[in-house]
């Protein structure tokens, strides 16, 4: 049976995700950006929470762990780095399997934004919860990792089936699109950017996305093709990525 995903806004620009394995009714929360919003959504849905699946330690991803566990008694699963701000019940890393009822998630190392960042991938349903590693038309800032580490993480995600649905944690897409247009003039990007700007004007969400769409239009996945435009001609792919990331960090638009 399929995985049901309930998406809702949290904080200023985060998304919350409650997921339910329909075969068993087991339910998990992907990260805990805002405990009150998550608990409210659970009550409205009539779902009991069994798990929290954390992607990384940042407070807008794990800051609600303690409050939610105190009320629901759920099991908290995540990378070791989460213990910097909250206890874990189960530590997981690359290659582990996390089960939600009959749904099995593969854990991938996608460090770079933070050193221990992970992604949860449901191969049967082709769904990935990527936290802050990959965004629609963007990627996470390198707060802890190196460009080489982040490039490897992005390539790990890019190797997933192109029809994989990607749930990222923030609504950054319009600003990401403005930057992307500054370094890439591909027709596919221009068409997508127009759709994004129109959607945001209507107040619509731009998440989720897909691996195929990101490979075709995301400047961070397309970094080698954009090397000349960011002053990285002839450099290794990871250095081209680093140049694109630096350009985004300095972009004002």
C-alpha atoms as a PDB file:
ATOM      1  CA  UNK A   1       0.000   0.000   0.000  1.00  0.00           C
ATOM      2  CA  UNK A   2       1.190   3.557  -0.640  1.00  0.00           C
ATOM      3  CA  UNK A   3       2.733   6.090   1.651  1.00  0.00           C
ATOM      4  CA  UNK A   4       0.459   9.033   2.459  1.00  0.00           C
ATOM      5  CA  UNK A   5       2.256  12.372   2.806  1.00  0.00           C
ATOM      6  CA  UNK A   6       0.703  15.377   4.513  1.00  0.00           C
ATOM      7  CA  UNK A   7       2.625  18.600   3.866  1.00  0.00           C
ATOM      8  CA  UNK A   8       2.053  21.885   5.694  1.00  0.00           C
ATOM      9  CA  UNK A   9       3.897  25.175   6.317  1.00  0.00           C
ATOM     10  CA  UNK A  10       5.919  25.774   9.490  1.00  0.00           C
ATOM     11  CA  UNK A  11       7.826  28.786  10.811  1.00  0.00           C
ATOM     12  CA  UNK A  12       8.499  31.415   8.126  1.00  0.00           C
ATOM     13  CA  UNK A  13       9.511  29.207   5.206  1.00  0.00           C
ATOM     14  CA  UNK A  14       9.822  25.582   6.402  1.00  0.00           C
ATOM     15  CA  UNK A  15       7.590  22.711   5.427  1.00  0.00           C
ATOM     16  CA  UNK A  16       6.484  20.002   7.804  1.00  0.00           C
ATOM     17  CA  UNK A  17       5.806  16.474   6.595  1.00  0.00           C
ATOM     18  CA  UNK A  18       3.704  13.845   8.328  1.00  0.00           C
ATOM     19  CA  UNK A  19       3.885  10.478   6.597  1.00  0.00           C
ATOM     20  CA  UNK A  20       1.702   7.425   7.128  1.00  0.00           C
ATOM     21  CA  UNK A  21       2.231   3.847   6.028  1.00  0.00           C
ATOM     22  CA  UNK A  22      -1.269   2.907   4.915  1.00  0.00           C
ATOM     23  CA  UNK A  23      -0.713  -0.828   5.341  1.00  0.00           C
ATOM     24  CA  UNK A  24      -0.189  -0.489   9.095  1.00  0.00           C
ATOM     25  CA  UNK A  25      -1.180   3.046  10.032  1.00  0.00           C
ATOM     26  CA  UNK A  26       2.262   3.795  11.450  1.00  0.00           C
ATOM     27  CA  UNK A  27       3.073   7.491  11.220  1.00  0.00           C
ATOM     28  CA  UNK A  28       6.257   9.545  11.257  1.00  0.00           C
ATOM     29  CA  UNK A  29       7.226  13.183  11.184  1.00  0.00           C
ATOM     30  CA  UNK A  30      10.117  14.228   8.957  1.00  0.00           C
ATOM     31  CA  UNK A  31      12.036  16.683  11.155  1.00  0.00           C
ATOM     32  CA  UNK A  32      10.408  18.911  13.774  1.00  0.00           C
ATOM     33  CA  UNK A  33      10.598  22.539  12.673  1.00  0.00           C
ATOM     34  CA  UNK A  34       7.660  23.683  14.818  1.00  0.00           C
ATOM     35  CA  UNK A  35       6.247  21.434  17.525  1.00  0.00           C
ATOM     36  CA  UNK A  36       2.945  23.272  17.941  1.00  0.00           C
ATOM     37  CA  UNK A  37       2.151  23.138  14.224  1.00  0.00           C
ATOM     38  CA  UNK A  38       3.044  19.459  13.999  1.00  0.00           C
ATOM     39  CA  UNK A  39       0.933  18.530  17.024  1.00  0.00           C
ATOM     40  CA  UNK A  40      -1.983  20.540  15.636  1.00  0.00           C
ATOM     41  CA  UNK A  41      -1.795  18.768  12.284  1.00  0.00           C
ATOM     42  CA  UNK A  42      -1.647  15.370  13.985  1.00  0.00           C
ATOM     43  CA  UNK A  43      -4.774  16.204  15.972  1.00  0.00           C
ATOM     44  CA  UNK A  44      -6.621  17.463  12.896  1.00  0.00           C
ATOM     45  CA  UNK A  45      -5.730  14.284  10.984  1.00  0.00           C
ATOM     46  CA  UNK A  46      -6.478  11.990  13.902  1.00  0.00           C
ATOM     47  CA  UNK A  47      -3.062  10.342  13.538  1.00  0.00           C
ATOM     48  CA  UNK A  48      -0.928   8.966  16.368  1.00  0.00           C
ATOM     49  CA  UNK A  49       2.775   9.656  15.940  1.00  0.00           C
ATOM     50  CA  UNK A  50       5.137   6.681  16.119  1.00  0.00           C
ATOM     51  CA  UNK A  51       8.430   8.191  14.906  1.00  0.00           C
ATOM     52  CA  UNK A  52      10.411  11.327  14.241  1.00  0.00           C
ATOM     53  CA  UNK A  53      12.895  10.950  11.373  1.00  0.00           C
ATOM     54  CA  UNK A  54      15.506  13.715  11.616  1.00  0.00           C
ATOM     55  CA  UNK A  55      17.706  14.684   8.658  1.00  0.00           C
ATOM     56  CA  UNK A  56      20.160  16.887  10.593  1.00  0.00           C
ATOM     57  CA  UNK A  57      20.679  18.764  13.825  1.00  0.00           C
ATOM     58  CA  UNK A  58      19.700  22.350  13.032  1.00  0.00           C
ATOM     59  CA  UNK A  59      17.026  23.782  15.363  1.00  0.00           C
ATOM     60  CA  UNK A  60      14.519  24.297  12.531  1.00  0.00           C
ATOM     61  CA  UNK A  61      14.767  20.534  11.910  1.00  0.00           C
ATOM     62  CA  UNK A  62      15.224  18.977  15.335  1.00  0.00           C
ATOM     63  CA  UNK A  63      14.197  21.764  17.697  1.00  0.00           C
ATOM     64  CA  UNK A  64      10.749  20.313  18.324  1.00  0.00           C
ATOM     65  CA  UNK A  65      11.935  16.800  19.166  1.00  0.00           C
ATOM     66  CA  UNK A  66      11.680  17.017  22.958  1.00  0.00           C
ATOM     67  CA  UNK A  67       8.242  18.652  23.075  1.00  0.00           C
ATOM     68  CA  UNK A  68       6.758  16.238  20.566  1.00  0.00           C
ATOM     69  CA  UNK A  69       8.236  13.172  22.256  1.00  0.00           C
ATOM     70  CA  UNK A  70       6.957  14.334  25.643  1.00  0.00           C
ATOM     71  CA  UNK A  71       3.396  14.406  24.308  1.00  0.00           C
ATOM     72  CA  UNK A  72       3.395  11.477  21.868  1.00  0.00           C
ATOM     73  CA  UNK A  73       6.030   9.101  23.266  1.00  0.00           C
ATOM     74  CA  UNK A  74       7.351   8.614  19.730  1.00  0.00           C
ATOM     75  CA  UNK A  75      10.727   7.071  18.827  1.00  0.00           C
ATOM     76  CA  UNK A  76      13.312   9.554  17.533  1.00  0.00           C
ATOM     77  CA  UNK A  77      15.558   8.375  14.694  1.00  0.00           C
ATOM     78  CA  UNK A  78      18.368  10.372  13.138  1.00  0.00           C
ATOM     79  CA  UNK A  79      22.088  10.930  12.591  1.00  0.00           C
ATOM     80  CA  UNK A  80      24.378  11.176  15.615  1.00  0.00           C
ATOM     81  CA  UNK A  81      24.770  14.931  15.181  1.00  0.00           C
ATOM     82  CA  UNK A  82      21.168  15.456  16.357  1.00  0.00           C
ATOM     83  CA  UNK A  83      22.361  14.699  19.899  1.00  0.00           C
ATOM     84  CA  UNK A  84      23.947  18.152  19.856  1.00  0.00           C
ATOM     85  CA  UNK A  85      20.492  19.519  20.708  1.00  0.00           C
ATOM     86  CA  UNK A  86      18.258  16.536  21.596  1.00  0.00           C
ATOM     87  CA  UNK A  87      18.539  12.849  22.539  1.00  0.00           C
ATOM     88  CA  UNK A  88      18.064  10.095  19.960  1.00  0.00           C
ATOM     89  CA  UNK A  89      16.409   6.719  20.456  1.00  0.00           C
ATOM     90  CA  UNK A  90      18.090   5.261  17.374  1.00  0.00           C
ATOM     91  CA  UNK A  91      21.192   6.529  15.614  1.00  0.00           C
ATOM     92  CA  UNK A  92      21.335   5.823  11.874  1.00  0.00           C
ATOM     93  CA  UNK A  93      23.785   6.459   9.070  1.00  0.00           C
ATOM     94  CA  UNK A  94      24.566   5.645   5.471  1.00  0.00           C
ATOM     95  CA  UNK A  95      23.372   2.192   4.424  1.00  0.00           C
ATOM     96  CA  UNK A  96      20.916   1.704   7.272  1.00  0.00           C
ATOM     97  CA  UNK A  97      17.257   0.847   6.709  1.00  0.00           C
ATOM     98  CA  UNK A  98      14.513   2.627   8.631  1.00  0.00           C
ATOM     99  CA  UNK A  99      11.108   0.954   8.593  1.00  0.00           C
ATOM    100  CA  UNK A 100       7.755   2.658   8.936  1.00  0.00           C
ATOM    101  CA  UNK A 101       5.338  -0.238   9.004  1.00  0.00           C
ATOM    102  CA  UNK A 102       5.771  -1.910   5.625  1.00  0.00           C
ATOM    103  CA  UNK A 103       7.578   1.081   4.102  1.00  0.00           C
ATOM    104  CA  UNK A 104      11.373   0.786   4.090  1.00  0.00           C
ATOM    105  CA  UNK A 105      13.577   3.882   3.850  1.00  0.00           C
ATOM    106  CA  UNK A 106      17.188   3.668   2.767  1.00  0.00           C
ATOM    107  CA  UNK A 107      19.442   6.098   4.622  1.00  0.00           C
ATOM    108  CA  UNK A 108      21.934   8.016   2.494  1.00  0.00           C
ATOM    109  CA  UNK A 109      24.822  10.146   3.674  1.00  0.00           C
ATOM    110  CA  UNK A 110      24.165  13.588   2.202  1.00  0.00           C
ATOM    111  CA  UNK A 111      26.551  15.673   4.285  1.00  0.00           C
ATOM    112  CA  UNK A 112      27.758  19.117   3.352  1.00  0.00           C
ATOM    113  CA  UNK A 113      25.134  21.464   4.762  1.00  0.00           C
ATOM    114  CA  UNK A 114      26.021  19.787   8.055  1.00  0.00           C
ATOM    115  CA  UNK A 115      28.615  17.064   8.374  1.00  0.00           C
ATOM    116  CA  UNK A 116      26.177  14.292   9.304  1.00  0.00           C
ATOM    117  CA  UNK A 117      23.148  15.246   7.209  1.00  0.00           C
ATOM    118  CA  UNK A 118      21.161  12.256   5.900  1.00  0.00           C
ATOM    119  CA  UNK A 119      18.386  11.590   3.398  1.00  0.00           C
ATOM    120  CA  UNK A 120      15.559   9.052   3.683  1.00  0.00           C
ATOM    121  CA  UNK A 121      14.701   7.304   0.399  1.00  0.00           C
ATOM    122  CA  UNK A 122      11.656   5.093  -0.125  1.00  0.00           C
ATOM    123  CA  UNK A 123      12.677   3.100  -3.201  1.00  0.00           C
ATOM    124  CA  UNK A 124       9.332   1.341  -3.636  1.00  0.00           C
ATOM    125  CA  UNK A 125       7.412   4.610  -3.907  1.00  0.00           C
ATOM    126  CA  UNK A 126      10.349   6.642  -5.271  1.00  0.00           C
ATOM    127  CA  UNK A 127      10.153   9.324  -2.621  1.00  0.00           C
ATOM    128  CA  UNK A 128      13.097  11.123  -1.008  1.00  0.00           C
ATOM    129  CA  UNK A 129      13.106  13.392   2.034  1.00  0.00           C
ATOM    130  CA  UNK A 130      16.260  15.425   1.533  1.00  0.00           C
ATOM    131  CA  UNK A 131      16.148  18.034   4.308  1.00  0.00           C
ATOM    132  CA  UNK A 132      18.446  20.915   3.367  1.00  0.00           C
ATOM    133  CA  UNK A 133      20.779  19.108   0.972  1.00  0.00           C
ATOM    134  CA  UNK A 134      18.831  19.661  -2.254  1.00  0.00           C
ATOM    135  CA  UNK A 135      16.216  22.352  -2.844  1.00  0.00           C
ATOM    136  CA  UNK A 136      14.022  23.110  -5.810  1.00  0.00           C
ATOM    137  CA  UNK A 137      16.565  24.965  -7.991  1.00  0.00           C
ATOM    138  CA  UNK A 138      18.997  25.130  -5.093  1.00  0.00           C
ATOM    139  CA  UNK A 139      21.076  23.380  -2.457  1.00  0.00           C
ATOM    140  CA  UNK A 140      21.933  24.009   1.169  1.00  0.00           C
ATOM    141  CA  UNK A 141      24.659  26.365   2.292  1.00  0.00           C
ATOM    142  CA  UNK A 142      27.904  24.745   3.345  1.00  0.00           C
ATOM    143  CA  UNK A 143      27.792  25.524   7.044  1.00  0.00           C
ATOM    144  CA  UNK A 144      30.038  22.601   8.021  1.00  0.00           C
ATOM    145  CA  UNK A 145      31.062  20.536   5.014  1.00  0.00           C
ATOM    146  CA  UNK A 146      33.318  21.047   2.024  1.00  0.00           C
ATOM    147  CA  UNK A 147      32.336  21.616  -1.602  1.00  0.00           C
ATOM    148  CA  UNK A 148      33.678  18.139  -2.415  1.00  0.00           C
ATOM    149  CA  UNK A 149      31.490  16.553   0.254  1.00  0.00           C
ATOM    150  CA  UNK A 150      28.387  18.422  -0.892  1.00  0.00           C
ATOM    151  CA  UNK A 151      29.048  17.663  -4.558  1.00  0.00           C
ATOM    152  CA  UNK A 152      29.335  13.962  -3.727  1.00  0.00           C
ATOM    153  CA  UNK A 153      26.055  14.170  -1.794  1.00  0.00           C
ATOM    154  CA  UNK A 154      24.279  15.883  -4.669  1.00  0.00           C
ATOM    155  CA  UNK A 155      25.591  13.279  -7.094  1.00  0.00           C
ATOM    156  CA  UNK A 156      24.259  10.541  -4.818  1.00  0.00           C
ATOM    157  CA  UNK A 157      20.817  12.124  -5.073  1.00  0.00           C
ATOM    158  CA  UNK A 158      21.144  12.773  -8.799  1.00  0.00           C
ATOM    159  CA  UNK A 159      21.715   9.033  -9.303  1.00  0.00           C
ATOM    160  CA  UNK A 160      18.207   8.239  -8.032  1.00  0.00           C
ATOM    161  CA  UNK A 161      15.494   7.505 -10.621  1.00  0.00           C
ATOM    162  CA  UNK A 162      14.469  10.678 -12.409  1.00  0.00           C
ATOM    163  CA  UNK A 163      10.829  10.261 -11.395  1.00  0.00           C
ATOM    164  CA  UNK A 164      11.767  10.269  -7.704  1.00  0.00           C
ATOM    165  CA  UNK A 165       9.636  12.816  -5.854  1.00  0.00           C
ATOM    166  CA  UNK A 166      11.850  15.080  -3.751  1.00  0.00           C
ATOM    167  CA  UNK A 167      10.537  16.695  -0.585  1.00  0.00           C
ATOM    168  CA  UNK A 168      12.854  19.484   0.528  1.00  0.00           C
ATOM    169  CA  UNK A 169      12.377  21.447   3.710  1.00  0.00           C
ATOM    170  CA  UNK A 170      12.052  25.098   2.638  1.00  0.00           C
ATOM    171  CA  UNK A 171      10.146  27.316   0.223  1.00  0.00           C
ATOM    172  CA  UNK A 172      13.161  29.009  -1.302  1.00  0.00           C
ATOM    173  CA  UNK A 173      12.338  28.364  -4.935  1.00  0.00           C
ATOM    174  CA  UNK A 174      11.576  31.858  -6.215  1.00  0.00           C
ATOM    175  CA  UNK A 175      14.826  33.298  -4.867  1.00  0.00           C
ATOM    176  CA  UNK A 176      16.671  30.230  -6.132  1.00  0.00           C
ATOM    177  CA  UNK A 177      15.159  30.813  -9.571  1.00  0.00           C
ATOM    178  CA  UNK A 178      16.330  34.411  -9.650  1.00  0.00           C
ATOM    179  CA  UNK A 179      19.867  33.279  -8.932  1.00  0.00           C
ATOM    180  CA  UNK A 180      19.700  30.415 -11.422  1.00  0.00           C
ATOM    181  CA  UNK A 181      18.726  32.837 -14.196  1.00  0.00           C
ATOM    182  CA  UNK A 182      21.831  34.901 -13.407  1.00  0.00           C
ATOM    183  CA  UNK A 183      24.183  32.011 -14.263  1.00  0.00           C
ATOM    184  CA  UNK A 184      22.188  29.896 -16.737  1.00  0.00           C
ATOM    185  CA  UNK A 185      20.170  30.787 -19.828  1.00  0.00           C
ATOM    186  CA  UNK A 186      18.890  27.302 -20.655  1.00  0.00           C
ATOM    187  CA  UNK A 187      15.380  27.418 -22.160  1.00  0.00           C
ATOM    188  CA  UNK A 188      14.149  24.753 -19.734  1.00  0.00           C
ATOM    189  CA  UNK A 189      15.220  26.919 -16.795  1.00  0.00           C
ATOM    190  CA  UNK A 190      13.566  30.035 -18.212  1.00  0.00           C
ATOM    191  CA  UNK A 191      10.290  28.169 -18.701  1.00  0.00           C
ATOM    192  CA  UNK A 192      10.432  26.708 -15.205  1.00  0.00           C
ATOM    193  CA  UNK A 193      11.248  30.059 -13.623  1.00  0.00           C
ATOM    194  CA  UNK A 194       8.197  31.642 -15.248  1.00  0.00           C
ATOM    195  CA  UNK A 195       6.020  28.879 -13.831  1.00  0.00           C
ATOM    196  CA  UNK A 196       7.561  29.302 -10.378  1.00  0.00           C
ATOM    197  CA  UNK A 197       7.074  33.065 -10.262  1.00  0.00           C
ATOM    198  CA  UNK A 198       3.445  32.677 -11.347  1.00  0.00           C
ATOM    199  CA  UNK A 199       2.818  29.948  -8.787  1.00  0.00           C
ATOM    200  CA  UNK A 200       4.257  32.006  -5.958  1.00  0.00           C
ATOM    201  CA  UNK A 201       2.163  35.006  -7.002  1.00  0.00           C
ATOM    202  CA  UNK A 202      -0.857  32.731  -6.538  1.00  0.00           C
ATOM    203  CA  UNK A 203       0.428  31.625  -3.138  1.00  0.00           C
ATOM    204  CA  UNK A 204       1.067  28.062  -4.332  1.00  0.00           C
ATOM    205  CA  UNK A 205       3.825  25.782  -3.063  1.00  0.00           C
ATOM    206  CA  UNK A 206       6.726  24.753  -5.311  1.00  0.00           C
ATOM    207  CA  UNK A 207       7.630  21.680  -3.240  1.00  0.00           C
ATOM    208  CA  UNK A 208       7.871  18.777  -3.985  1.00  0.00           C
ATOM    209  CA  UNK A 209      10.029  18.562  -7.071  1.00  0.00           C
ATOM    210  CA  UNK A 210      11.623  15.619  -8.918  1.00  0.00           C
ATOM    211  CA  UNK A 211      15.147  14.433  -9.524  1.00  0.00           C
ATOM    212  CA  UNK A 212      14.672  14.715 -13.290  1.00  0.00           C
ATOM    213  CA  UNK A 213      13.478  18.297 -13.086  1.00  0.00           C
ATOM    214  CA  UNK A 214      16.390  19.271 -10.857  1.00  0.00           C
ATOM    215  CA  UNK A 215      18.954  17.602 -13.113  1.00  0.00           C
ATOM    216  CA  UNK A 216      17.575  19.567 -16.052  1.00  0.00           C
ATOM    217  CA  UNK A 217      17.386  22.999 -14.416  1.00  0.00           C
ATOM    218  CA  UNK A 218      19.134  23.215 -11.018  1.00  0.00           C
ATOM    219  CA  UNK A 219      22.383  25.191 -11.397  1.00  0.00           C
ATOM    220  CA  UNK A 220      24.065  23.250  -8.588  1.00  0.00           C
ATOM    221  CA  UNK A 221      23.493  19.930 -10.325  1.00  0.00           C
ATOM    222  CA  UNK A 222      24.423  21.560 -13.662  1.00  0.00           C
ATOM    223  CA  UNK A 223      27.587  23.168 -12.262  1.00  0.00           C
ATOM    224  CA  UNK A 224      30.048  21.493 -14.679  1.00  0.00           C
ATOM    225  CA  UNK A 225      28.062  22.827 -17.653  1.00  0.00           C
ATOM    226  CA  UNK A 226      28.117  26.318 -16.126  1.00  0.00           C
ATOM    227  CA  UNK A 227      31.818  26.362 -15.235  1.00  0.00           C
ATOM    228  CA  UNK A 228      32.757  28.997 -17.797  1.00  0.00           C
ATOM    229  CA  UNK A 229      30.038  31.336 -16.567  1.00  0.00           C
ATOM    230  CA  UNK A 230      31.289  31.218 -12.975  1.00  0.00           C
ATOM    231  CA  UNK A 231      35.019  31.420 -13.677  1.00  0.00           C
ATOM    232  CA  UNK A 232      35.750  27.731 -13.243  1.00  0.00           C
ATOM    233  CA  UNK A 233      36.622  26.616 -16.768  1.00  0.00           C
ATOM    234  CA  UNK A 234      38.746  23.483 -16.861  1.00  0.00           C
ATOM    235  CA  UNK A 235      38.395  22.842 -13.138  1.00  0.00           C
ATOM    236  CA  UNK A 236      37.129  19.600 -11.572  1.00  0.00           C
ATOM    237  CA  UNK A 237      33.371  19.262 -11.165  1.00  0.00           C
ATOM    238  CA  UNK A 238      33.485  19.843  -7.402  1.00  0.00           C
ATOM    239  CA  UNK A 239      35.351  23.117  -7.953  1.00  0.00           C
ATOM    240  CA  UNK A 240      32.795  24.200 -10.538  1.00  0.00           C
ATOM    241  CA  UNK A 241      30.124  23.450  -7.951  1.00  0.00           C
ATOM    242  CA  UNK A 242      32.061  25.473  -5.371  1.00  0.00           C
ATOM    243  CA  UNK A 243      32.130  28.432  -7.755  1.00  0.00           C
ATOM    244  CA  UNK A 244      28.358  28.239  -8.286  1.00  0.00           C
ATOM    245  CA  UNK A 245      27.817  27.956  -4.526  1.00  0.00           C
ATOM    246  CA  UNK A 246      30.034  30.982  -3.892  1.00  0.00           C
ATOM    247  CA  UNK A 247      28.155  32.960  -6.527  1.00  0.00           C
ATOM    248  CA  UNK A 248      24.862  32.136  -4.817  1.00  0.00           C
ATOM    249  CA  UNK A 249      26.244  33.084  -1.400  1.00  0.00           C
ATOM    250  CA  UNK A 250      27.143  36.522  -2.787  1.00  0.00           C
ATOM    251  CA  UNK A 251      24.009  36.955  -4.921  1.00  0.00           C
ATOM    252  CA  UNK A 252      21.727  39.872  -4.140  1.00  0.00           C
ATOM    253  CA  UNK A 253      18.611  39.708  -6.208  1.00  0.00           C
END
